[in-house]
N, C-alpha and C. Protein backbone atom coordinates (compact mmCIF):
# COMPACT_ATOMS: atom_id res chain seq x y z
N MET A 1 -20.97 -12.44 -0.86
CA MET A 1 -21.04 -13.49 -0.01
C MET A 1 -21.98 -14.48 -0.13
N TRP A 2 -21.70 -15.88 -0.57
CA TRP A 2 -22.22 -16.79 -1.20
C TRP A 2 -22.90 -17.66 -0.27
N ASP A 3 -22.42 -17.65 1.02
CA ASP A 3 -22.57 -18.66 2.35
C ASP A 3 -22.23 -17.74 3.38
N LYS A 4 -22.82 -18.11 4.88
CA LYS A 4 -22.99 -17.24 5.93
C LYS A 4 -21.41 -17.58 6.36
N SER A 5 -20.67 -18.29 6.12
CA SER A 5 -19.30 -18.62 6.82
C SER A 5 -18.38 -18.16 5.64
N HIS A 6 -18.65 -17.57 4.52
CA HIS A 6 -17.90 -17.08 3.51
C HIS A 6 -17.54 -15.59 4.01
N LYS A 7 -16.69 -14.74 4.09
CA LYS A 7 -16.23 -13.63 4.19
C LYS A 7 -15.56 -12.84 2.85
N VAL A 8 -15.87 -11.49 2.53
CA VAL A 8 -15.61 -10.92 1.40
C VAL A 8 -14.14 -10.30 1.89
N PRO A 9 -13.28 -10.60 1.09
CA PRO A 9 -12.01 -10.15 1.51
C PRO A 9 -11.84 -8.64 1.48
N ASP A 10 -11.14 -8.08 2.53
CA ASP A 10 -11.18 -6.87 2.64
C ASP A 10 -10.01 -6.05 2.55
N PHE A 11 -9.69 -6.58 1.07
CA PHE A 11 -8.31 -6.04 0.75
C PHE A 11 -8.43 -4.53 0.33
N LYS A 12 -6.51 -3.62 0.67
CA LYS A 12 -7.21 -2.13 0.14
C LYS A 12 -6.21 -2.08 -1.09
N VAL A 13 -6.11 -0.95 -1.80
CA VAL A 13 -4.85 -0.83 -2.74
C VAL A 13 -3.54 -0.37 -1.73
N GLY A 14 -2.69 -0.94 -2.09
CA GLY A 14 -1.26 -0.69 -1.51
C GLY A 14 -1.05 -2.10 -0.22
N ASP A 15 -2.01 -2.83 -0.02
CA ASP A 15 -2.03 -4.11 0.30
C ASP A 15 -0.70 -4.77 -0.26
N LEU A 16 -0.15 -5.75 0.45
CA LEU A 16 0.82 -6.66 0.11
C LEU A 16 0.00 -8.16 0.34
N LEU A 17 0.25 -8.85 -0.45
CA LEU A 17 -0.22 -10.44 -0.73
C LEU A 17 0.45 -11.37 -1.28
N LEU A 18 0.02 -12.95 -0.88
CA LEU A 18 0.95 -13.84 -1.81
C LEU A 18 0.21 -14.21 -2.34
N VAL A 19 0.45 -14.78 -3.70
CA VAL A 19 -0.49 -15.17 -4.94
C VAL A 19 -0.31 -16.72 -4.89
N SER A 20 -1.30 -17.55 -4.81
CA SER A 20 -1.15 -19.07 -4.85
C SER A 20 -0.57 -19.48 -6.11
N THR A 21 0.45 -20.43 -6.11
CA THR A 21 0.94 -20.65 -7.64
C THR A 21 0.25 -22.00 -8.23
N LEU A 22 -0.72 -22.38 -7.83
CA LEU A 22 -1.75 -23.42 -7.86
C LEU A 22 -2.04 -23.49 -9.69
N ASN A 23 -2.02 -21.96 -10.29
CA ASN A 23 -2.96 -22.22 -11.46
C ASN A 23 -1.51 -21.66 -12.47
N PHE A 24 -0.30 -21.59 -11.74
CA PHE A 24 1.03 -20.89 -12.70
C PHE A 24 1.56 -22.74 -13.37
N ASN A 25 1.63 -22.25 -14.87
CA ASN A 25 1.79 -23.63 -15.39
C ASN A 25 3.80 -23.07 -15.74
N ASN A 26 4.14 -21.54 -15.36
CA ASN A 26 5.29 -21.35 -16.30
C ASN A 26 6.68 -21.87 -15.20
N ILE A 27 6.04 -22.43 -13.73
CA ILE A 27 7.20 -22.80 -13.26
C ILE A 27 7.43 -24.08 -12.93
N LYS A 28 8.80 -24.23 -13.36
CA LYS A 28 9.01 -25.54 -13.80
C LYS A 28 9.50 -26.61 -12.39
N GLY A 29 9.79 -27.68 -12.80
CA GLY A 29 9.88 -29.01 -11.44
C GLY A 29 8.66 -29.70 -11.27
N PRO A 30 9.21 -30.61 -10.12
CA PRO A 30 7.84 -31.26 -9.85
C PRO A 30 6.96 -30.35 -8.89
N LYS A 31 5.78 -30.92 -8.79
CA LYS A 31 4.44 -30.01 -8.03
C LYS A 31 4.50 -29.40 -6.45
N LYS A 32 5.24 -31.25 -6.02
CA LYS A 32 5.43 -31.04 -4.81
C LYS A 32 6.41 -30.34 -4.16
N LEU A 33 7.59 -29.86 -4.78
CA LEU A 33 8.57 -28.89 -4.82
C LEU A 33 8.14 -27.25 -4.77
N LYS A 34 7.20 -27.20 -5.60
CA LYS A 34 6.95 -25.71 -5.80
C LYS A 34 6.40 -24.73 -4.70
N ASP A 35 6.91 -23.77 -4.44
CA ASP A 35 6.04 -22.84 -3.54
C ASP A 35 4.95 -22.67 -3.42
N SER A 36 4.01 -22.86 -2.42
CA SER A 36 2.77 -22.86 -2.77
C SER A 36 2.09 -21.15 -2.93
N TYR A 37 2.90 -20.36 -2.37
CA TYR A 37 2.56 -19.20 -2.80
C TYR A 37 3.60 -18.36 -3.03
N VAL A 38 3.68 -17.34 -3.74
CA VAL A 38 4.83 -16.39 -4.17
C VAL A 38 4.77 -14.89 -3.70
N GLY A 39 5.33 -14.41 -3.56
CA GLY A 39 5.33 -12.74 -3.25
C GLY A 39 5.95 -12.73 -2.34
N PRO A 40 5.66 -11.21 -1.65
CA PRO A 40 4.30 -10.86 -1.58
C PRO A 40 4.33 -9.48 -2.85
N PHE A 41 3.31 -9.45 -3.33
CA PHE A 41 3.09 -8.50 -4.47
C PHE A 41 2.10 -7.31 -3.67
N VAL A 42 1.91 -6.15 -4.65
CA VAL A 42 1.40 -5.02 -3.75
C VAL A 42 0.30 -4.68 -4.74
N ILE A 43 -0.93 -4.19 -4.41
CA ILE A 43 -2.18 -4.50 -5.06
C ILE A 43 -2.56 -3.06 -5.57
N VAL A 44 -2.70 -2.87 -7.05
CA VAL A 44 -2.41 -1.80 -7.56
C VAL A 44 -3.80 -1.18 -7.70
N ALA A 45 -5.02 -2.38 -8.00
CA ALA A 45 -6.16 -1.93 -8.08
C ALA A 45 -7.16 -2.74 -7.53
N LEU A 46 -8.51 -2.55 -7.25
CA LEU A 46 -9.39 -3.90 -6.81
C LEU A 46 -10.32 -3.59 -7.68
N HIS A 47 -10.88 -4.54 -8.65
CA HIS A 47 -12.13 -4.69 -9.71
C HIS A 47 -13.31 -5.27 -8.71
N GLY A 48 -14.12 -4.60 -8.34
CA GLY A 48 -15.03 -5.09 -7.51
C GLY A 48 -14.65 -5.95 -6.38
N THR A 49 -15.40 -7.24 -6.16
CA THR A 49 -15.16 -7.86 -4.90
C THR A 49 -14.71 -9.16 -5.58
N ASN A 50 -14.45 -9.04 -6.91
CA ASN A 50 -14.16 -10.79 -7.44
C ASN A 50 -12.89 -10.71 -8.06
N ALA A 51 -12.01 -9.39 -8.48
CA ALA A 51 -10.80 -9.26 -8.71
C ALA A 51 -9.96 -8.58 -8.32
N VAL A 52 -8.51 -8.84 -8.15
CA VAL A 52 -7.36 -7.98 -7.86
C VAL A 52 -6.65 -7.81 -8.38
N GLN A 53 -5.75 -6.72 -8.92
CA GLN A 53 -4.81 -6.33 -9.75
C GLN A 53 -3.72 -6.35 -8.96
N VAL A 54 -2.77 -7.13 -9.17
CA VAL A 54 -1.38 -7.00 -8.52
C VAL A 54 -0.27 -6.75 -9.70
N GLU A 55 0.95 -5.99 -8.76
CA GLU A 55 1.93 -5.71 -9.58
C GLU A 55 3.30 -6.85 -9.70
N LEU A 56 3.07 -7.47 -10.60
CA LEU A 56 3.56 -8.94 -11.09
C LEU A 56 4.96 -8.13 -11.44
N ILE A 57 6.34 -8.48 -11.20
CA ILE A 57 7.53 -7.74 -11.42
C ILE A 57 8.25 -8.74 -12.57
N ALA A 58 8.29 -9.75 -11.94
CA ALA A 58 9.15 -10.79 -12.68
C ALA A 58 8.58 -11.61 -14.09
N ASP A 59 7.14 -11.84 -13.54
CA ASP A 59 6.83 -12.54 -14.89
C ASP A 59 5.88 -11.70 -15.84
N LYS A 60 6.23 -11.66 -16.91
CA LYS A 60 5.07 -10.89 -17.52
C LYS A 60 4.14 -11.48 -18.55
N GLU A 61 4.60 -12.74 -18.61
CA GLU A 61 3.53 -13.57 -19.21
C GLU A 61 2.10 -13.88 -18.26
N LEU A 62 2.31 -13.42 -17.18
CA LEU A 62 0.86 -14.02 -16.10
C LEU A 62 -0.03 -12.92 -16.72
N SER A 63 -1.25 -13.04 -16.21
CA SER A 63 -2.03 -11.83 -16.04
C SER A 63 -2.07 -11.36 -14.67
N PRO A 64 -2.09 -9.85 -14.15
CA PRO A 64 -1.82 -9.22 -13.39
C PRO A 64 -3.14 -9.64 -12.63
N LEU A 65 -4.55 -9.69 -13.00
CA LEU A 65 -5.78 -9.75 -12.66
C LEU A 65 -6.01 -10.84 -11.85
N ARG A 66 -6.07 -10.91 -10.71
CA ARG A 66 -6.24 -12.16 -10.03
C ARG A 66 -7.67 -12.68 -9.11
N ASN A 67 -8.05 -13.59 -8.76
CA ASN A 67 -9.27 -14.21 -8.16
C ASN A 67 -8.84 -13.95 -6.84
N PRO A 68 -9.80 -13.11 -5.84
CA PRO A 68 -9.28 -12.76 -4.44
C PRO A 68 -9.10 -14.27 -3.19
N SER A 69 -9.79 -15.27 -3.68
CA SER A 69 -9.83 -16.28 -3.27
C SER A 69 -8.67 -17.18 -2.97
N PRO A 70 -7.46 -17.53 -3.91
CA PRO A 70 -6.16 -17.96 -3.43
C PRO A 70 -5.24 -17.08 -3.07
N LEU A 71 -5.71 -15.86 -2.79
CA LEU A 71 -4.62 -14.55 -2.29
C LEU A 71 -4.84 -14.78 -0.50
N THR A 72 -3.87 -14.86 -0.02
CA THR A 72 -3.37 -14.47 1.38
C THR A 72 -2.78 -13.35 1.77
N VAL A 73 -2.80 -12.86 2.64
CA VAL A 73 -2.04 -11.93 3.73
C VAL A 73 -0.56 -12.15 3.69
N PRO A 74 0.50 -11.90 3.86
CA PRO A 74 1.94 -12.69 4.27
C PRO A 74 2.02 -12.15 5.63
N PRO A 75 2.59 -13.52 6.26
CA PRO A 75 2.52 -12.97 7.88
C PRO A 75 3.71 -11.80 8.18
N VAL A 76 3.44 -11.55 9.10
CA VAL A 76 4.24 -10.27 9.57
C VAL A 76 5.99 -10.39 9.70
N GLU A 77 6.44 -11.42 10.01
CA GLU A 77 7.66 -11.82 9.91
C GLU A 77 8.49 -11.68 8.42
N GLN A 78 7.56 -11.89 7.51
CA GLN A 78 7.93 -11.85 6.16
C GLN A 78 8.17 -10.40 5.71
N ILE A 79 7.27 -9.78 5.94
CA ILE A 79 7.23 -8.17 5.91
C ILE A 79 8.19 -7.46 6.15
N GLU A 80 8.34 -7.90 7.98
CA GLU A 80 9.06 -6.90 8.47
C GLU A 80 10.42 -6.78 8.13
N ASP A 81 11.27 -6.06 8.15
CA ASP A 81 12.77 -5.51 7.87
C ASP A 81 13.64 -5.94 8.97
N LYS A 82 14.80 -6.60 8.68
CA LYS A 82 15.75 -6.91 9.35
C LYS A 82 15.97 -5.80 10.33
N LYS A 83 15.60 -5.89 11.39
CA LYS A 83 16.32 -4.93 12.78
C LYS A 83 17.45 -5.56 13.44
N ILE A 84 18.64 -4.85 13.62
CA ILE A 84 19.59 -5.83 14.28
C ILE A 84 19.08 -5.17 16.05
N ASN A 85 19.23 -6.19 16.95
CA ASN A 85 18.91 -6.04 18.44
C ASN A 85 20.09 -5.64 18.79
N LYS A 86 21.36 -6.54 18.68
CA LYS A 86 22.48 -5.97 19.50
C LYS A 86 23.64 -6.94 18.51
N VAL A 87 24.93 -6.38 19.07
CA VAL A 87 25.97 -7.21 18.59
C VAL A 87 26.68 -8.18 19.34
N ILE A 88 26.88 -9.46 19.22
CA ILE A 88 27.20 -10.32 19.97
C ILE A 88 28.56 -10.79 20.02
N LYS A 89 29.51 -10.96 19.19
CA LYS A 89 30.84 -10.94 18.83
C LYS A 89 31.49 -10.30 17.63
N GLU A 90 32.84 -10.26 17.96
CA GLU A 90 33.68 -9.53 17.02
C GLU A 90 34.76 -10.68 16.14
N ARG A 91 35.06 -10.33 15.07
CA ARG A 91 36.09 -11.11 14.65
C ARG A 91 37.02 -10.20 13.83
N ARG A 92 38.44 -10.99 13.61
CA ARG A 92 38.94 -10.13 12.60
C ARG A 92 39.50 -11.16 11.16
N LEU A 93 39.31 -10.64 10.25
CA LEU A 93 39.71 -11.46 8.98
C LEU A 93 41.13 -11.84 8.99
N ARG A 94 41.38 -12.89 8.22
CA ARG A 94 42.85 -13.06 7.99
C ARG A 94 43.36 -12.13 6.92
N GLY A 95 44.54 -11.77 7.30
CA GLY A 95 45.29 -10.97 6.37
C GLY A 95 45.12 -9.88 5.88
N LYS A 96 43.89 -9.45 6.90
CA LYS A 96 43.20 -8.38 6.35
C LYS A 96 43.01 -7.46 7.69
N ASN A 97 42.89 -5.99 7.74
CA ASN A 97 42.69 -4.98 8.33
C ASN A 97 41.14 -4.69 8.52
N GLN A 98 40.56 -5.94 8.46
CA GLN A 98 39.07 -5.77 8.42
C GLN A 98 38.28 -6.69 9.74
N ARG A 99 37.37 -5.97 10.21
CA ARG A 99 36.72 -6.90 11.22
C ARG A 99 35.10 -7.12 10.89
N GLU A 100 34.63 -7.97 11.42
CA GLU A 100 33.17 -8.32 11.24
C GLU A 100 32.61 -8.48 12.50
N TYR A 101 31.25 -8.51 12.70
CA TYR A 101 30.74 -8.65 13.82
C TYR A 101 29.58 -9.30 13.86
N LEU A 102 29.02 -10.36 14.69
CA LEU A 102 28.23 -10.97 14.68
C LEU A 102 26.74 -10.44 15.33
N VAL A 103 25.60 -10.42 14.52
CA VAL A 103 24.52 -9.33 15.13
C VAL A 103 23.75 -10.60 15.29
N ARG A 104 22.64 -9.99 16.05
CA ARG A 104 21.32 -11.18 16.63
C ARG A 104 20.44 -9.90 16.02
N TYR A 105 19.06 -10.32 15.37
CA TYR A 105 18.27 -9.74 14.86
C TYR A 105 16.90 -9.50 15.78
N ARG A 106 16.25 -8.54 15.70
CA ARG A 106 15.02 -8.65 16.84
C ARG A 106 13.84 -9.67 16.44
N ASN A 107 13.80 -10.18 15.11
CA ASN A 107 12.79 -10.80 14.73
C ASN A 107 13.58 -12.46 14.82
N PRO A 108 12.86 -13.10 15.69
CA PRO A 108 13.80 -14.52 15.71
C PRO A 108 13.69 -15.59 14.80
N VAL A 109 12.83 -14.87 13.56
CA VAL A 109 13.10 -15.81 12.42
C VAL A 109 14.19 -16.03 11.92
N HIS A 110 14.98 -14.66 12.02
CA HIS A 110 16.47 -14.31 11.14
C HIS A 110 17.58 -14.84 12.22
N GLU A 111 18.15 -15.75 11.62
CA GLU A 111 19.66 -16.18 11.75
C GLU A 111 20.32 -15.32 12.51
N ASP A 112 21.46 -15.30 13.18
CA ASP A 112 22.63 -14.37 13.37
C ASP A 112 23.67 -14.50 12.03
N GLU A 113 24.11 -13.44 11.84
CA GLU A 113 24.90 -13.06 10.73
C GLU A 113 25.96 -12.29 10.72
N TRP A 114 27.15 -12.47 10.33
CA TRP A 114 28.15 -11.52 10.28
C TRP A 114 28.51 -10.82 9.50
N LEU A 115 28.45 -9.38 10.12
CA LEU A 115 28.37 -8.51 9.06
C LEU A 115 29.69 -7.36 9.08
N ALA A 116 30.28 -6.91 8.12
CA ALA A 116 31.18 -5.68 8.21
C ALA A 116 30.46 -4.37 9.07
N GLU A 117 31.40 -3.31 9.32
CA GLU A 117 30.71 -2.47 10.17
C GLU A 117 30.31 -1.36 9.35
N SER A 118 30.60 -1.93 8.11
CA SER A 118 29.94 -0.42 6.80
C SER A 118 28.40 -1.12 6.48
N GLU A 119 28.20 -2.03 6.93
CA GLU A 119 26.54 -2.79 6.54
C GLU A 119 25.65 -2.83 7.78
N ILE A 120 26.23 -2.62 9.10
CA ILE A 120 25.13 -2.28 10.25
C ILE A 120 24.83 -1.09 10.34
N PRO A 121 23.49 -0.99 9.98
CA PRO A 121 23.01 0.52 10.22
C PRO A 121 23.26 0.98 11.78
N ASP A 122 23.13 2.35 11.97
CA ASP A 122 22.98 2.75 13.28
C ASP A 122 24.47 1.83 14.10
N SER A 123 25.63 1.68 13.21
CA SER A 123 26.89 1.03 13.66
C SER A 123 27.27 1.65 14.82
N LYS A 124 27.68 3.01 15.19
CA LYS A 124 28.32 3.62 15.75
C LYS A 124 27.34 3.71 17.24
N GLU A 125 26.49 3.52 17.25
CA GLU A 125 25.98 3.28 18.63
C GLU A 125 26.17 1.82 19.23
N LEU A 126 25.74 0.70 18.20
CA LEU A 126 25.41 -0.46 18.35
C LEU A 126 26.87 -1.11 18.76
N LEU A 127 27.94 -0.58 18.36
CA LEU A 127 29.23 -1.07 18.66
C LEU A 127 29.84 -0.37 19.77
N GLN A 128 29.36 0.97 19.93
CA GLN A 128 29.68 1.36 21.39
C GLN A 128 29.13 0.84 22.48
N ARG A 129 27.81 0.26 22.46
CA ARG A 129 27.33 -0.47 23.51
C ARG A 129 27.71 -1.82 23.62
N PHE A 130 28.31 -2.57 22.22
CA PHE A 130 29.03 -4.09 22.48
C PHE A 130 30.28 -3.38 23.05
N ARG A 131 31.13 -2.68 22.94
CA ARG A 131 32.28 -2.50 23.63
C ARG A 131 32.45 -2.11 25.02
N HIS A 132 31.11 -1.50 25.51
CA HIS A 132 30.88 -0.80 26.53
C HIS A 132 30.72 -2.20 27.26
N GLU A 133 30.02 -3.46 26.94
CA GLU A 133 29.40 -4.29 27.80
C GLU A 133 30.62 -5.66 27.75
N ARG A 134 31.04 -5.35 26.75
CA ARG A 134 32.95 -6.57 26.68
C ARG A 134 34.03 -5.97 27.52
N ARG A 135 33.93 -4.87 28.07
CA ARG A 135 34.84 -3.89 29.16
C ARG A 135 34.83 -4.92 30.52
N PRO A 136 35.87 -5.42 31.18
CA PRO A 136 35.55 -5.70 32.35
C PRO A 136 35.55 -4.91 33.58
N GLN A 137 34.72 -5.14 33.94
CA GLN A 137 33.93 -4.40 35.54
C GLN A 137 35.11 -4.21 36.53
N ALA A 138 35.86 -3.05 37.34
CA ALA A 138 36.26 -3.08 37.77
C ALA A 138 35.69 -3.09 39.58
């Protein structure tokens, strides 16, 4: 800690991090169109307080050792898996005996999406609730 306002990062092995692309020379295209961070990557090892070793999958040219200052923790929305909140609509594909369902996710970042019944986890429970809500009440 070289300054009162500077905090030592409290990263742990297994945490997910976004890596800054500031010093990446292998990413093509104009600088303003590049992503400012890539990842998330898993921390493999800590080397004191000045270096973090991350598991780089795609780029073998880059060194896996990184200075912790340009590293950030990804937002929760990016880590969180898509969990289906409810089924909204149903449609039948033309010429096929197959149905698709419009599903809404719990996380508001994800948009509604049309999925086949086989692609929906816990489809039996969700579709049963959907059909029960659609049934007219007498």
